[in-house]
Amino acid sequence: MTTLHSNGRKTVGVLALQGDFREHREMLERMGHEVREVRKPAQLEGLDALIIPGGESTTIARLILSNGFQQPLRDFCDSGRPVWGTCAGAILLARNVDRLDRPGIEMMDISVRRNAFGRQVDSFEAALDVKGIEGEPFHAVFIRAPQIEEVRAPAEAIATLPDGTVVAAREGNLLATSFHPELTGDTRLHELFLTIGRNGHE
């Protein structure tokens, strides 16, 4: 069962096997939510939502398997609670990934190409119109970013670069972004994420 708070405060897990989980935790805490760094499958119990952060996708995939996380993470995705993969996390959520030498979580009907925008030195920023977010464009930071090459129904693209490249997608309670919203001061995408769970989930 999830822990619902009358004041809107949620208990959000951030998978903390490797990568930039700390930045997500700090942003969520500034927003007033309780955050749990998840290092063991049992720590998924009682969470309202889960973030799979950026990092090194092959390393995180290896740690997911060696720590017995794969099926518990798939079950969490199936539970209706919000799950968000950022950068490497998007790679791990995708059903199809190029050059990933072991399976990830494989729950979203998207195909992703790793490091599609180049190396760390090729990092860039862009202003994005994101479906579900009102106001000015969202300032997105791309670091060794993957590209969402194909989006298959019921998944849908919710943000693209000017050339049409998909950089964010949603499938029900699952969200994937190629970029790092936790590295900005803009909380709008985190706020959207926390609203996408199915009502009545357990």
C-alpha atoms as a PDB file:
ATOM      1  CA  MET A   1       0.000   0.000   0.000  1.00  0.00           C
ATOM      2  CA  THR A   2       1.183   3.548  -0.648  1.00  0.00           C
ATOM      3  CA  THR A   3       1.463   6.200   2.004  1.00  0.00           C
ATOM      4  CA  LEU A   4      -0.899   9.051   1.131  1.00  0.00           C
ATOM      5  CA  HIS A   5      -0.531  12.314   3.012  1.00  0.00           C
ATOM      6  CA  SER A   6      -3.436  14.713   3.465  1.00  0.00           C
ATOM      7  CA  ASN A   7      -1.192  17.721   2.836  1.00  0.00           C
ATOM      8  CA  GLY A   8      -0.023  16.415  -0.538  1.00  0.00           C
ATOM      9  CA  ARG A   9       3.325  15.302   0.831  1.00  0.00           C
ATOM     10  CA  LYS A  10       4.421  12.036  -0.763  1.00  0.00           C
ATOM     11  CA  THR A  11       7.028   9.411  -0.006  1.00  0.00           C
ATOM     12  CA  VAL A  12       9.202   9.201  -3.122  1.00  0.00           C
ATOM     13  CA  GLY A  13      11.954   6.668  -3.697  1.00  0.00           C
ATOM     14  CA  VAL A  14      15.085   7.380  -5.713  1.00  0.00           C
ATOM     15  CA  LEU A  15      17.013   4.317  -6.873  1.00  0.00           C
ATOM     16  CA  ALA A  16      20.442   4.915  -5.348  1.00  0.00           C
ATOM     17  CA  LEU A  17      22.642   2.208  -6.850  1.00  0.00           C
ATOM     18  CA  GLN A  18      24.721   4.652  -8.921  1.00  0.00           C
ATOM     19  CA  GLY A  19      24.339   8.033 -10.591  1.00  0.00           C
ATOM     20  CA  ASP A  20      22.865  11.421  -9.646  1.00  0.00           C
ATOM     21  CA  PHE A  21      20.232  10.250  -7.164  1.00  0.00           C
ATOM     22  CA  ARG A  22      21.286  12.925  -4.667  1.00  0.00           C
ATOM     23  CA  GLU A  23      20.169  15.787  -6.923  1.00  0.00           C
ATOM     24  CA  HIS A  24      16.691  14.291  -7.278  1.00  0.00           C
ATOM     25  CA  ARG A  25      16.474  13.804  -3.527  1.00  0.00           C
ATOM     26  CA  GLU A  26      17.442  17.398  -2.825  1.00  0.00           C
ATOM     27  CA  MET A  27      14.885  18.785  -5.296  1.00  0.00           C
ATOM     28  CA  LEU A  28      12.066  16.624  -3.931  1.00  0.00           C
ATOM     29  CA  GLU A  29      12.941  17.602  -0.349  1.00  0.00           C
ATOM     30  CA  ARG A  30      12.825  21.289  -1.347  1.00  0.00           C
ATOM     31  CA  MET A  31       9.337  20.572  -2.693  1.00  0.00           C
ATOM     32  CA  GLY A  32       8.334  19.256   0.740  1.00  0.00           C
ATOM     33  CA  HIS A  33       8.252  15.516   0.022  1.00  0.00           C
ATOM     34  CA  GLU A  34       9.766  12.682   2.017  1.00  0.00           C
ATOM     35  CA  VAL A  35      12.522  10.940   0.044  1.00  0.00           C
ATOM     36  CA  ARG A  36      13.990   7.465   0.463  1.00  0.00           C
ATOM     37  CA  GLU A  37      17.243   6.430  -1.215  1.00  0.00           C
ATOM     38  CA  VAL A  38      16.495   2.883  -2.385  1.00  0.00           C
ATOM     39  CA  ARG A  39      19.371   0.383  -2.275  1.00  0.00           C
ATOM     40  CA  LYS A  40      17.488  -2.850  -1.519  1.00  0.00           C
ATOM     41  CA  PRO A  41      14.281  -4.203  -3.081  1.00  0.00           C
ATOM     42  CA  ALA A  42      12.507  -4.226   0.301  1.00  0.00           C
ATOM     43  CA  GLN A  43      12.838  -0.420   0.407  1.00  0.00           C
ATOM     44  CA  LEU A  44      10.324  -0.132  -2.446  1.00  0.00           C
ATOM     45  CA  GLU A  45       7.584  -1.017   0.032  1.00  0.00           C
ATOM     46  CA  GLY A  46       5.331   1.910   0.970  1.00  0.00           C
ATOM     47  CA  LEU A  47       6.553   4.322  -1.706  1.00  0.00           C
ATOM     48  CA  ASP A  48       4.136   6.589  -3.589  1.00  0.00           C
ATOM     49  CA  ALA A  49       6.480   7.024  -6.568  1.00  0.00           C
ATOM     50  CA  LEU A  50       9.955   6.074  -7.807  1.00  0.00           C
ATOM     51  CA  ILE A  51      12.688   7.824  -9.805  1.00  0.00           C
ATOM     52  CA  ILE A  52      15.431   5.938 -11.662  1.00  0.00           C
ATOM     53  CA  PRO A  53      18.145   8.573 -12.076  1.00  0.00           C
ATOM     54  CA  GLY A  54      20.830   9.296 -14.612  1.00  0.00           C
ATOM     55  CA  GLY A  55      24.236   7.690 -14.383  1.00  0.00           C
ATOM     56  CA  GLU A  56      26.015   4.920 -16.267  1.00  0.00           C
ATOM     57  CA  SER A  57      23.304   2.691 -17.716  1.00  0.00           C
ATOM     58  CA  THR A  58      25.363  -0.505 -18.010  1.00  0.00           C
ATOM     59  CA  THR A  59      26.540  -0.152 -14.413  1.00  0.00           C
ATOM     60  CA  ILE A  60      23.021   0.457 -13.093  1.00  0.00           C
ATOM     61  CA  ALA A  61      21.678  -2.471 -15.177  1.00  0.00           C
ATOM     62  CA  ARG A  62      24.351  -4.740 -13.692  1.00  0.00           C
ATOM     63  CA  LEU A  63      23.540  -3.600 -10.156  1.00  0.00           C
ATOM     64  CA  ILE A  64      19.797  -4.058 -10.737  1.00  0.00           C
ATOM     65  CA  LEU A  65      20.423  -7.690 -11.660  1.00  0.00           C
ATOM     66  CA  SER A  66      23.014  -8.440  -8.974  1.00  0.00           C
ATOM     67  CA  ASN A  67      20.831  -6.920  -6.230  1.00  0.00           C
ATOM     68  CA  GLY A  68      17.648  -8.740  -7.269  1.00  0.00           C
ATOM     69  CA  PHE A  69      15.843  -5.564  -8.383  1.00  0.00           C
ATOM     70  CA  GLN A  70      14.617  -6.471 -11.861  1.00  0.00           C
ATOM     71  CA  GLN A  71      11.296  -8.137 -11.024  1.00  0.00           C
ATOM     72  CA  PRO A  72      10.495  -5.872  -8.031  1.00  0.00           C
ATOM     73  CA  LEU A  73      11.023  -2.831 -10.295  1.00  0.00           C
ATOM     74  CA  ARG A  74       8.806  -4.347 -12.992  1.00  0.00           C
ATOM     75  CA  ASP A  75       6.145  -5.026 -10.376  1.00  0.00           C
ATOM     76  CA  PHE A  76       6.411  -1.420  -9.160  1.00  0.00           C
ATOM     77  CA  CYS A  77       5.866  -0.192 -12.735  1.00  0.00           C
ATOM     78  CA  ASP A  78       2.811  -2.457 -12.999  1.00  0.00           C
ATOM     79  CA  SER A  79       1.396  -1.148  -9.703  1.00  0.00           C
ATOM     80  CA  GLY A  80       0.170   2.121 -11.221  1.00  0.00           C
ATOM     81  CA  ARG A  81       2.459   4.279  -9.111  1.00  0.00           C
ATOM     82  CA  PRO A  82       4.500   6.942 -10.955  1.00  0.00           C
ATOM     83  CA  VAL A  83       7.918   5.786 -12.206  1.00  0.00           C
ATOM     84  CA  TRP A  84      10.322   8.188 -13.927  1.00  0.00           C
ATOM     85  CA  GLY A  85      13.583   7.382 -15.660  1.00  0.00           C
ATOM     86  CA  THR A  86      15.910  10.312 -16.395  1.00  0.00           C
ATOM     87  CA  CYS A  87      18.755   9.854 -18.905  1.00  0.00           C
ATOM     88  CA  ALA A  88      20.179   6.417 -17.943  1.00  0.00           C
ATOM     89  CA  GLY A  89      16.862   5.733 -16.221  1.00  0.00           C
ATOM     90  CA  ALA A  90      15.055   6.241 -19.534  1.00  0.00           C
ATOM     91  CA  ILE A  91      17.394   3.704 -21.125  1.00  0.00           C
ATOM     92  CA  LEU A  92      16.578   1.174 -18.406  1.00  0.00           C
ATOM     93  CA  LEU A  93      12.797   1.658 -18.760  1.00  0.00           C
ATOM     94  CA  ALA A  94      12.853   1.151 -22.551  1.00  0.00           C
ATOM     95  CA  ARG A  95      11.882  -2.202 -24.059  1.00  0.00           C
ATOM     96  CA  ASN A  96      14.468  -1.776 -26.833  1.00  0.00           C
ATOM     97  CA  VAL A  97      17.974  -0.350 -26.367  1.00  0.00           C
ATOM     98  CA  ASP A  98      21.036  -0.474 -28.596  1.00  0.00           C
ATOM     99  CA  ARG A  99      24.338  -1.678 -27.137  1.00  0.00           C
ATOM    100  CA  LEU A 100      23.110  -2.493 -23.621  1.00  0.00           C
ATOM    101  CA  ASP A 101      24.831  -5.780 -22.781  1.00  0.00           C
ATOM    102  CA  ARG A 102      22.225  -6.952 -20.238  1.00  0.00           C
ATOM    103  CA  PRO A 103      18.491  -6.403 -19.754  1.00  0.00           C
ATOM    104  CA  GLY A 104      17.180  -3.357 -17.960  1.00  0.00           C
ATOM    105  CA  ILE A 105      13.638  -3.021 -16.614  1.00  0.00           C
ATOM    106  CA  GLU A 106      12.102  -3.054 -20.130  1.00  0.00           C
ATOM    107  CA  MET A 107       8.609  -1.715 -19.337  1.00  0.00           C
ATOM    108  CA  MET A 108       8.033   1.198 -21.765  1.00  0.00           C
ATOM    109  CA  ASP A 109       7.129   0.791 -25.431  1.00  0.00           C
ATOM    110  CA  ILE A 110       9.993   2.957 -26.633  1.00  0.00           C
ATOM    111  CA  SER A 111      13.317   2.351 -28.390  1.00  0.00           C
ATOM    112  CA  VAL A 112      16.345   4.263 -27.110  1.00  0.00           C
ATOM    113  CA  ARG A 113      19.838   4.826 -28.495  1.00  0.00           C
ATOM    114  CA  ARG A 114      22.495   5.299 -25.828  1.00  0.00           C
ATOM    115  CA  ASN A 115      24.820   8.344 -25.927  1.00  0.00           C
ATOM    116  CA  ALA A 116      23.114   9.433 -29.139  1.00  0.00           C
ATOM    117  CA  PHE A 117      24.083  13.084 -28.701  1.00  0.00           C
ATOM    118  CA  GLY A 118      27.787  12.361 -28.158  1.00  0.00           C
ATOM    119  CA  ARG A 119      30.191  12.426 -25.252  1.00  0.00           C
ATOM    120  CA  GLN A 120      30.268  14.597 -22.134  1.00  0.00           C
ATOM    121  CA  VAL A 121      31.907  17.425 -24.099  1.00  0.00           C
ATOM    122  CA  ASP A 122      28.881  17.455 -26.410  1.00  0.00           C
ATOM    123  CA  SER A 123      26.474  18.265 -23.580  1.00  0.00           C
ATOM    124  CA  PHE A 124      23.959  20.983 -24.409  1.00  0.00           C
ATOM    125  CA  GLU A 125      20.853  22.784 -23.173  1.00  0.00           C
ATOM    126  CA  ALA A 126      17.518  23.438 -24.863  1.00  0.00           C
ATOM    127  CA  ALA A 127      14.172  25.120 -24.201  1.00  0.00           C
ATOM    128  CA  LEU A 128      11.375  22.547 -24.531  1.00  0.00           C
ATOM    129  CA  ASP A 129       7.603  22.641 -24.741  1.00  0.00           C
ATOM    130  CA  VAL A 130       6.513  19.692 -22.601  1.00  0.00           C
ATOM    131  CA  LYS A 131       2.969  18.325 -22.828  1.00  0.00           C
ATOM    132  CA  GLY A 132       1.308  18.753 -19.432  1.00  0.00           C
ATOM    133  CA  ILE A 133       3.480  21.699 -18.334  1.00  0.00           C
ATOM    134  CA  GLU A 134       2.147  25.224 -18.624  1.00  0.00           C
ATOM    135  CA  GLY A 135       4.029  28.503 -18.803  1.00  0.00           C
ATOM    136  CA  GLU A 136       7.413  29.214 -20.291  1.00  0.00           C
ATOM    137  CA  PRO A 137       9.443  26.471 -22.029  1.00  0.00           C
ATOM    138  CA  PHE A 138      11.270  24.023 -19.774  1.00  0.00           C
ATOM    139  CA  HIS A 139      15.032  24.534 -19.647  1.00  0.00           C
ATOM    140  CA  ALA A 140      16.502  21.069 -20.275  1.00  0.00           C
ATOM    141  CA  VAL A 141      20.093  19.964 -19.621  1.00  0.00           C
ATOM    142  CA  PHE A 142      21.427  17.119 -21.801  1.00  0.00           C
ATOM    143  CA  ILE A 143      24.575  15.254 -20.652  1.00  0.00           C
ATOM    144  CA  ARG A 144      25.689  12.192 -22.680  1.00  0.00           C
ATOM    145  CA  ALA A 145      22.012  11.973 -23.431  1.00  0.00           C
ATOM    146  CA  PRO A 146      20.156   9.067 -25.029  1.00  0.00           C
ATOM    147  CA  GLN A 147      17.744   9.591 -27.902  1.00  0.00           C
ATOM    148  CA  ILE A 148      14.227   8.160 -27.934  1.00  0.00           C
ATOM    149  CA  GLU A 149      14.224   6.824 -31.495  1.00  0.00           C
ATOM    150  CA  GLU A 150      10.778   5.240 -31.565  1.00  0.00           C
ATOM    151  CA  VAL A 151       7.616   5.642 -29.481  1.00  0.00           C
ATOM    152  CA  ARG A 152       4.959   2.947 -29.837  1.00  0.00           C
ATOM    153  CA  ALA A 153       1.380   3.149 -28.551  1.00  0.00           C
ATOM    154  CA  PRO A 154       0.281   3.296 -25.820  1.00  0.00           C
ATOM    155  CA  ALA A 155       3.445   5.341 -25.157  1.00  0.00           C
ATOM    156  CA  GLU A 156       3.424   8.902 -26.520  1.00  0.00           C
ATOM    157  CA  ALA A 157       6.030  11.586 -27.105  1.00  0.00           C
ATOM    158  CA  ILE A 158       5.587  14.595 -24.821  1.00  0.00           C
ATOM    159  CA  ALA A 159       8.630  16.715 -25.784  1.00  0.00           C
ATOM    160  CA  THR A 160      10.805  17.050 -28.881  1.00  0.00           C
ATOM    161  CA  LEU A 161      13.750  19.124 -30.020  1.00  0.00           C
ATOM    162  CA  PRO A 162      13.146  21.560 -32.905  1.00  0.00           C
ATOM    163  CA  ASP A 163      14.317  18.895 -35.397  1.00  0.00           C
ATOM    164  CA  GLY A 164      11.646  16.491 -34.149  1.00  0.00           C
ATOM    165  CA  THR A 165      13.940  14.306 -32.039  1.00  0.00           C
ATOM    166  CA  VAL A 166      11.910  12.848 -29.153  1.00  0.00           C
ATOM    167  CA  VAL A 167      13.453  13.596 -25.747  1.00  0.00           C
ATOM    168  CA  ALA A 168      10.550  12.780 -23.399  1.00  0.00           C
ATOM    169  CA  ALA A 169       7.819  10.155 -23.486  1.00  0.00           C
ATOM    170  CA  ARG A 170       5.021   8.933 -21.262  1.00  0.00           C
ATOM    171  CA  GLU A 171       3.154   5.639 -21.054  1.00  0.00           C
ATOM    172  CA  GLY A 172       0.449   5.784 -18.379  1.00  0.00           C
ATOM    173  CA  ASN A 173       2.234   5.997 -15.041  1.00  0.00           C
ATOM    174  CA  LEU A 174       5.691   5.727 -16.659  1.00  0.00           C
ATOM    175  CA  LEU A 175       7.771   8.745 -17.694  1.00  0.00           C
ATOM    176  CA  ALA A 176      11.103   8.859 -19.535  1.00  0.00           C
ATOM    177  CA  THR A 177      13.265  11.911 -20.252  1.00  0.00           C
ATOM    178  CA  SER A 178      16.606  12.098 -22.069  1.00  0.00           C
ATOM    179  CA  PHE A 179      17.594  15.126 -20.022  1.00  0.00           C
ATOM    180  CA  HIS A 180      18.250  15.994 -16.369  1.00  0.00           C
ATOM    181  CA  PRO A 181      15.443  18.115 -14.815  1.00  0.00           C
ATOM    182  CA  GLU A 182      17.009  17.673 -11.372  1.00  0.00           C
ATOM    183  CA  LEU A 183      19.945  19.897 -12.434  1.00  0.00           C
ATOM    184  CA  THR A 184      17.713  22.974 -12.808  1.00  0.00           C
ATOM    185  CA  GLY A 185      15.716  24.942 -10.280  1.00  0.00           C
ATOM    186  CA  ASP A 186      12.476  24.230 -12.166  1.00  0.00           C
ATOM    187  CA  THR A 187      10.241  21.799 -10.261  1.00  0.00           C
ATOM    188  CA  ARG A 188       7.426  21.643 -12.846  1.00  0.00           C
ATOM    189  CA  LEU A 189       8.423  18.290 -14.322  1.00  0.00           C
ATOM    190  CA  HIS A 190       8.786  16.721 -10.885  1.00  0.00           C
ATOM    191  CA  GLU A 191       5.334  18.091 -10.051  1.00  0.00           C
ATOM    192  CA  LEU A 192       3.863  16.606 -13.239  1.00  0.00           C
ATOM    193  CA  PHE A 193       5.531  13.262 -12.520  1.00  0.00           C
ATOM    194  CA  LEU A 194       3.851  12.958  -9.140  1.00  0.00           C
ATOM    195  CA  THR A 195       0.390  13.307 -10.746  1.00  0.00           C
ATOM    196  CA  ILE A 196       0.625  10.518 -13.350  1.00  0.00           C
ATOM    197  CA  GLY A 197      -0.158   7.461 -11.197  1.00  0.00           C
ATOM    198  CA  ARG A 198      -3.369   5.534 -11.718  1.00  0.00           C
ATOM    199  CA  ASN A 199      -6.083   6.305  -9.186  1.00  0.00           C
ATOM    200  CA  GLY A 200      -6.752   3.514  -6.722  1.00  0.00           C
ATOM    201  CA  HIS A 201      -3.350   1.894  -7.172  1.00  0.00           C
ATOM    202  CA  GLU A 202      -2.026  -0.308  -4.422  1.00  0.00           C
END
